[in-house]
N, C-alpha and C. Protein backbone atom coordinates (compact mmCIF):
# COMPACT_ATOMS: atom_id res chain seq x y z
N MET A 1 37.74 31.56 -29.08
CA MET A 1 36.92 30.59 -29.80
C MET A 1 36.39 29.54 -28.82
N ASN A 2 35.10 29.28 -28.86
CA ASN A 2 34.48 28.32 -27.97
C ASN A 2 34.60 26.91 -28.56
N ASN A 3 35.19 26.01 -27.79
CA ASN A 3 35.39 24.64 -28.25
C ASN A 3 34.41 23.66 -27.62
N THR A 4 33.27 24.15 -27.18
CA THR A 4 32.27 23.27 -26.59
C THR A 4 30.93 23.43 -27.29
N ILE A 5 30.12 22.41 -27.15
CA ILE A 5 28.76 22.42 -27.66
C ILE A 5 27.84 21.89 -26.56
N GLU A 6 26.59 22.31 -26.61
CA GLU A 6 25.61 21.76 -25.68
C GLU A 6 24.78 20.73 -26.44
N SER A 7 24.71 19.53 -25.88
CA SER A 7 23.85 18.51 -26.48
C SER A 7 22.60 18.36 -25.63
N ILE A 8 21.50 18.07 -26.27
CA ILE A 8 20.24 17.84 -25.58
C ILE A 8 19.66 16.55 -26.13
N LEU A 9 19.58 15.55 -25.29
CA LEU A 9 18.97 14.28 -25.66
C LEU A 9 17.57 14.25 -25.06
N SER A 10 16.58 13.92 -25.88
CA SER A 10 15.19 13.92 -25.41
C SER A 10 14.57 12.55 -25.58
N ILE A 11 13.83 12.15 -24.59
CA ILE A 11 12.97 10.97 -24.67
C ILE A 11 11.59 11.51 -24.38
N ASP A 12 10.76 11.54 -25.40
CA ASP A 12 9.50 12.26 -25.32
C ASP A 12 8.27 11.36 -25.28
N ASN A 13 7.34 11.77 -24.44
CA ASN A 13 5.99 11.23 -24.43
C ASN A 13 5.90 9.72 -24.18
N VAL A 14 6.57 9.29 -23.11
CA VAL A 14 6.40 7.92 -22.66
C VAL A 14 5.05 7.89 -21.95
N ARG A 15 4.12 7.14 -22.48
CA ARG A 15 2.74 7.15 -21.98
C ARG A 15 2.49 5.87 -21.19
N VAL A 16 2.17 6.01 -19.90
CA VAL A 16 1.95 4.85 -19.03
C VAL A 16 0.72 5.07 -18.14
N LYS A 17 0.12 3.96 -17.77
CA LYS A 17 -0.94 4.01 -16.78
C LYS A 17 -0.30 3.76 -15.42
N ALA A 18 -0.69 4.58 -14.43
CA ALA A 18 -0.09 4.46 -13.10
C ALA A 18 -1.12 4.82 -12.04
N ASN A 19 -0.84 4.41 -10.82
CA ASN A 19 -1.77 4.60 -9.70
C ASN A 19 -1.25 5.68 -8.76
N HIS A 20 -1.29 6.92 -9.24
CA HIS A 20 -0.89 8.07 -8.45
C HIS A 20 -2.12 8.94 -8.20
N GLY A 21 -2.04 9.75 -7.18
CA GLY A 21 -3.11 10.71 -6.94
C GLY A 21 -3.33 10.96 -5.46
N TRP A 22 -3.81 12.13 -5.17
CA TRP A 22 -4.07 12.51 -3.79
C TRP A 22 -5.25 11.72 -3.23
N TYR A 23 -6.24 11.48 -4.07
CA TYR A 23 -7.45 10.79 -3.62
C TYR A 23 -7.31 9.29 -3.82
N GLU A 24 -7.84 8.54 -2.86
CA GLU A 24 -7.77 7.08 -2.92
C GLU A 24 -8.37 6.55 -4.22
N SER A 25 -9.46 7.17 -4.66
CA SER A 25 -10.10 6.71 -5.89
C SER A 25 -9.16 6.86 -7.10
N GLU A 26 -8.34 7.91 -7.13
CA GLU A 26 -7.36 8.10 -8.21
C GLU A 26 -6.32 6.98 -8.19
N ARG A 27 -5.85 6.65 -6.99
CA ARG A 27 -4.84 5.61 -6.86
C ARG A 27 -5.42 4.24 -7.18
N LYS A 28 -6.68 4.05 -6.84
CA LYS A 28 -7.31 2.74 -7.09
C LYS A 28 -7.59 2.55 -8.58
N LEU A 29 -8.16 3.56 -9.24
CA LEU A 29 -8.50 3.46 -10.66
C LEU A 29 -7.28 3.62 -11.57
N GLY A 30 -6.35 4.42 -11.13
CA GLY A 30 -5.19 4.72 -11.97
C GLY A 30 -5.53 5.77 -13.01
N GLY A 31 -4.52 6.25 -13.66
CA GLY A 31 -4.71 7.26 -14.69
C GLY A 31 -3.58 7.21 -15.69
N MET A 32 -3.73 7.97 -16.76
CA MET A 32 -2.70 8.01 -17.80
C MET A 32 -1.77 9.19 -17.55
N TYR A 33 -0.49 8.90 -17.71
CA TYR A 33 0.56 9.88 -17.50
C TYR A 33 1.48 9.89 -18.71
N VAL A 34 2.00 11.06 -19.02
CA VAL A 34 2.94 11.21 -20.13
C VAL A 34 4.21 11.82 -19.55
N ILE A 35 5.33 11.12 -19.75
CA ILE A 35 6.60 11.54 -19.17
C ILE A 35 7.59 11.86 -20.29
N SER A 36 8.27 12.99 -20.18
CA SER A 36 9.34 13.36 -21.10
C SER A 36 10.57 13.70 -20.29
N VAL A 37 11.73 13.32 -20.83
CA VAL A 37 13.00 13.56 -20.17
C VAL A 37 13.94 14.22 -21.17
N HIS A 38 14.63 15.27 -20.72
CA HIS A 38 15.65 15.94 -21.53
C HIS A 38 16.94 15.94 -20.73
N ILE A 39 18.03 15.57 -21.40
CA ILE A 39 19.34 15.51 -20.75
C ILE A 39 20.25 16.53 -21.44
N TYR A 40 20.77 17.47 -20.67
CA TYR A 40 21.64 18.52 -21.19
C TYR A 40 23.08 18.22 -20.78
N LYS A 41 23.98 18.34 -21.74
CA LYS A 41 25.38 18.03 -21.46
C LYS A 41 26.28 18.92 -22.31
N ILE A 42 27.33 19.45 -21.70
CA ILE A 42 28.33 20.23 -22.42
C ILE A 42 29.43 19.28 -22.87
N LEU A 43 29.75 19.34 -24.16
CA LEU A 43 30.75 18.45 -24.75
C LEU A 43 31.80 19.25 -25.49
N GLU A 44 32.93 18.62 -25.73
CA GLU A 44 33.94 19.22 -26.60
C GLU A 44 33.36 19.28 -28.01
N ALA A 45 33.68 20.32 -28.73
CA ALA A 45 33.12 20.49 -30.08
C ALA A 45 33.50 19.34 -31.02
N ASN A 46 34.61 18.70 -30.76
CA ASN A 46 35.02 17.58 -31.61
C ASN A 46 34.55 16.22 -31.07
N HIS A 47 33.57 16.23 -30.20
CA HIS A 47 33.05 14.99 -29.61
C HIS A 47 32.59 14.01 -30.69
N ASP A 48 32.92 12.75 -30.51
CA ASP A 48 32.53 11.68 -31.43
C ASP A 48 31.23 11.05 -30.91
N PHE A 49 30.18 11.09 -31.69
CA PHE A 49 28.88 10.57 -31.27
C PHE A 49 28.63 9.13 -31.70
N ASP A 50 29.69 8.38 -31.96
CA ASP A 50 29.54 7.02 -32.48
C ASP A 50 29.65 5.91 -31.44
N HIS A 51 29.67 6.24 -30.15
CA HIS A 51 29.87 5.22 -29.13
C HIS A 51 28.82 5.34 -28.03
N LEU A 52 28.09 4.27 -27.77
CA LEU A 52 27.05 4.27 -26.75
C LEU A 52 27.63 4.54 -25.36
N ASP A 53 28.83 4.05 -25.08
CA ASP A 53 29.40 4.26 -23.76
C ASP A 53 29.78 5.72 -23.49
N GLN A 54 29.70 6.57 -24.50
CA GLN A 54 29.96 8.00 -24.34
C GLN A 54 28.66 8.81 -24.46
N SER A 55 27.55 8.12 -24.35
CA SER A 55 26.25 8.77 -24.46
C SER A 55 25.34 8.27 -23.34
N ILE A 56 24.11 8.71 -23.35
CA ILE A 56 23.10 8.26 -22.40
C ILE A 56 22.33 7.12 -23.06
N ASN A 57 22.15 6.03 -22.35
CA ASN A 57 21.46 4.87 -22.87
C ASN A 57 19.94 5.10 -22.77
N TYR A 58 19.27 5.21 -23.89
CA TYR A 58 17.82 5.45 -23.93
C TYR A 58 17.06 4.36 -23.18
N GLU A 59 17.49 3.11 -23.36
CA GLU A 59 16.79 1.98 -22.72
C GLU A 59 16.83 2.10 -21.21
N MET A 60 17.97 2.54 -20.65
CA MET A 60 18.08 2.70 -19.21
C MET A 60 17.12 3.78 -18.73
N VAL A 61 17.08 4.91 -19.43
CA VAL A 61 16.18 6.00 -19.05
C VAL A 61 14.73 5.52 -19.11
N HIS A 62 14.38 4.84 -20.17
CA HIS A 62 13.03 4.31 -20.35
C HIS A 62 12.66 3.38 -19.20
N GLN A 63 13.58 2.50 -18.83
CA GLN A 63 13.32 1.54 -17.75
C GLN A 63 13.15 2.24 -16.41
N VAL A 64 13.95 3.27 -16.15
CA VAL A 64 13.81 4.04 -14.91
C VAL A 64 12.42 4.67 -14.85
N ILE A 65 11.96 5.21 -15.97
CA ILE A 65 10.62 5.81 -16.02
C ILE A 65 9.56 4.76 -15.71
N LEU A 66 9.62 3.62 -16.39
CA LEU A 66 8.61 2.56 -16.18
C LEU A 66 8.63 2.04 -14.75
N ASP A 67 9.82 1.77 -14.22
CA ASP A 67 9.93 1.25 -12.86
C ASP A 67 9.38 2.24 -11.83
N THR A 68 9.70 3.50 -11.99
CA THR A 68 9.26 4.51 -11.04
C THR A 68 7.75 4.72 -11.12
N MET A 69 7.21 4.68 -12.31
CA MET A 69 5.77 4.88 -12.46
C MET A 69 4.97 3.70 -11.92
N GLU A 70 5.60 2.55 -11.71
CA GLU A 70 4.92 1.42 -11.07
C GLU A 70 4.75 1.64 -9.57
N GLU A 71 5.58 2.50 -9.00
CA GLU A 71 5.46 2.83 -7.58
C GLU A 71 4.23 3.73 -7.39
N GLU A 72 3.65 3.70 -6.19
CA GLU A 72 2.50 4.56 -5.92
C GLU A 72 2.97 5.87 -5.31
N HIS A 73 2.54 6.98 -5.90
CA HIS A 73 2.88 8.31 -5.40
C HIS A 73 1.59 9.10 -5.18
N MET A 74 1.59 9.91 -4.14
CA MET A 74 0.41 10.72 -3.84
C MET A 74 0.28 11.91 -4.79
N LEU A 75 1.42 12.42 -5.28
CA LEU A 75 1.41 13.59 -6.15
C LEU A 75 2.33 13.35 -7.34
N ILE A 76 2.02 14.00 -8.47
CA ILE A 76 2.91 13.86 -9.62
C ILE A 76 4.27 14.50 -9.32
N GLU A 77 4.31 15.46 -8.42
CA GLU A 77 5.57 16.07 -8.03
C GLU A 77 6.51 15.02 -7.43
N SER A 78 5.97 14.14 -6.62
CA SER A 78 6.76 13.09 -5.99
C SER A 78 7.26 12.08 -7.02
N ALA A 79 6.41 11.69 -7.94
CA ALA A 79 6.82 10.75 -9.00
C ALA A 79 7.89 11.38 -9.87
N CYS A 80 7.73 12.65 -10.21
CA CYS A 80 8.69 13.36 -11.03
C CYS A 80 10.05 13.42 -10.34
N LYS A 81 10.05 13.78 -9.07
CA LYS A 81 11.30 13.87 -8.30
C LYS A 81 11.96 12.50 -8.17
N ALA A 82 11.18 11.46 -8.00
CA ALA A 82 11.74 10.10 -7.88
C ALA A 82 12.46 9.70 -9.17
N ILE A 83 11.86 10.01 -10.32
CA ILE A 83 12.52 9.73 -11.60
C ILE A 83 13.81 10.53 -11.70
N TRP A 84 13.74 11.82 -11.39
CA TRP A 84 14.90 12.70 -11.45
C TRP A 84 16.02 12.18 -10.55
N ASP A 85 15.68 11.79 -9.31
CA ASP A 85 16.69 11.29 -8.37
C ASP A 85 17.40 10.06 -8.93
N LYS A 86 16.65 9.13 -9.48
CA LYS A 86 17.25 7.89 -10.00
C LYS A 86 18.15 8.16 -11.20
N LEU A 87 17.74 9.06 -12.07
CA LEU A 87 18.55 9.38 -13.24
C LEU A 87 19.80 10.15 -12.84
N LYS A 88 19.67 11.06 -11.89
CA LYS A 88 20.81 11.88 -11.45
C LYS A 88 21.89 11.00 -10.80
N VAL A 89 21.49 9.93 -10.12
CA VAL A 89 22.46 9.01 -9.52
C VAL A 89 23.28 8.32 -10.61
N LYS A 90 22.63 7.95 -11.70
CA LYS A 90 23.32 7.23 -12.77
C LYS A 90 24.27 8.12 -13.57
N TYR A 91 23.86 9.36 -13.80
CA TYR A 91 24.67 10.32 -14.56
C TYR A 91 24.61 11.65 -13.83
N SER A 92 25.52 11.83 -12.88
CA SER A 92 25.43 12.99 -11.99
C SER A 92 25.93 14.29 -12.62
N ASN A 93 26.71 14.22 -13.68
CA ASN A 93 27.27 15.45 -14.27
C ASN A 93 26.33 16.11 -15.27
N GLU A 94 25.30 15.43 -15.67
CA GLU A 94 24.36 15.98 -16.64
C GLU A 94 23.26 16.77 -15.94
N ILE A 95 22.65 17.67 -16.68
CA ILE A 95 21.46 18.36 -16.20
C ILE A 95 20.27 17.60 -16.73
N TRP A 96 19.41 17.16 -15.82
CA TRP A 96 18.23 16.37 -16.18
C TRP A 96 16.99 17.22 -16.04
N GLU A 97 16.11 17.12 -17.01
CA GLU A 97 14.80 17.77 -16.94
C GLU A 97 13.75 16.67 -17.11
N VAL A 98 12.88 16.56 -16.14
CA VAL A 98 11.83 15.53 -16.16
C VAL A 98 10.48 16.25 -16.08
N ASN A 99 9.57 15.88 -16.98
CA ASN A 99 8.24 16.47 -17.00
C ASN A 99 7.21 15.34 -16.96
N ILE A 100 6.26 15.45 -16.05
CA ILE A 100 5.14 14.49 -15.99
C ILE A 100 3.86 15.25 -16.21
N ARG A 101 3.04 14.72 -17.11
CA ARG A 101 1.72 15.29 -17.37
C ARG A 101 0.68 14.24 -17.03
N LYS A 102 -0.29 14.62 -16.22
CA LYS A 102 -1.39 13.72 -15.86
C LYS A 102 -2.60 14.09 -16.70
N GLU A 103 -3.10 13.11 -17.44
CA GLU A 103 -4.26 13.33 -18.30
C GLU A 103 -5.56 13.12 -17.52
N ASP A 104 -6.61 13.72 -18.00
CA ASP A 104 -7.96 13.52 -17.45
C ASP A 104 -8.01 13.71 -15.93
N VAL A 105 -7.57 14.87 -15.49
CA VAL A 105 -7.59 15.16 -14.06
C VAL A 105 -9.03 15.42 -13.61
N PRO A 106 -9.30 15.20 -12.31
CA PRO A 106 -10.68 15.35 -11.83
C PRO A 106 -11.06 16.82 -11.57
N LEU A 107 -10.84 17.67 -12.56
CA LEU A 107 -11.24 19.06 -12.48
C LEU A 107 -12.03 19.42 -13.73
N LYS A 108 -13.14 20.07 -13.54
CA LYS A 108 -13.98 20.46 -14.66
C LYS A 108 -13.22 21.40 -15.59
N PHE A 109 -13.27 21.11 -16.89
CA PHE A 109 -12.67 21.91 -17.96
C PHE A 109 -11.14 21.87 -17.99
N VAL A 110 -10.52 20.93 -17.26
CA VAL A 110 -9.06 20.81 -17.26
C VAL A 110 -8.69 19.49 -17.92
N GLU A 111 -7.94 19.58 -19.00
CA GLU A 111 -7.52 18.38 -19.73
C GLU A 111 -6.39 17.64 -19.03
N SER A 112 -5.42 18.40 -18.51
CA SER A 112 -4.28 17.76 -17.87
C SER A 112 -3.58 18.75 -16.93
N THR A 113 -2.74 18.18 -16.06
CA THR A 113 -1.86 18.98 -15.24
C THR A 113 -0.45 18.44 -15.44
N SER A 114 0.56 19.25 -15.15
CA SER A 114 1.92 18.77 -15.32
C SER A 114 2.84 19.39 -14.28
N PHE A 115 3.99 18.74 -14.11
CA PHE A 115 5.02 19.22 -13.21
C PHE A 115 6.36 18.92 -13.86
N LYS A 116 7.29 19.87 -13.73
CA LYS A 116 8.62 19.72 -14.34
C LYS A 116 9.68 20.07 -13.32
N ILE A 117 10.77 19.30 -13.37
CA ILE A 117 11.91 19.57 -12.49
C ILE A 117 13.17 19.51 -13.36
N LYS A 118 14.11 20.42 -13.09
CA LYS A 118 15.33 20.48 -13.88
C LYS A 118 16.52 20.82 -12.99
N GLY A 119 17.59 20.09 -13.18
CA GLY A 119 18.79 20.38 -12.40
C GLY A 119 19.83 19.31 -12.54
């Protein structure tokens, strides 16, 4: 009998304006980005979900996203990895999945591009 469960905590669609991009004009004008984070954790089946100190603090994750997106990155891959690195330091035993989507990319007929990292 399996006495564990997998929990997945999601913080979805944090929408921020940031100055990332390969081209100087992208970094100067800025663009809209949508960030989602999923945290995977194996728990005992009888885990009590009533205590914040036994969970991931949403506010901390949100603040890491906002702080990192204020930094200038040349590629969304770099911004994504920076968010992942900061979250992994705070909670190293969890599996973190970070996805960044860049809206209105400078390519004809392309609505957005995205990059995801998980580990």
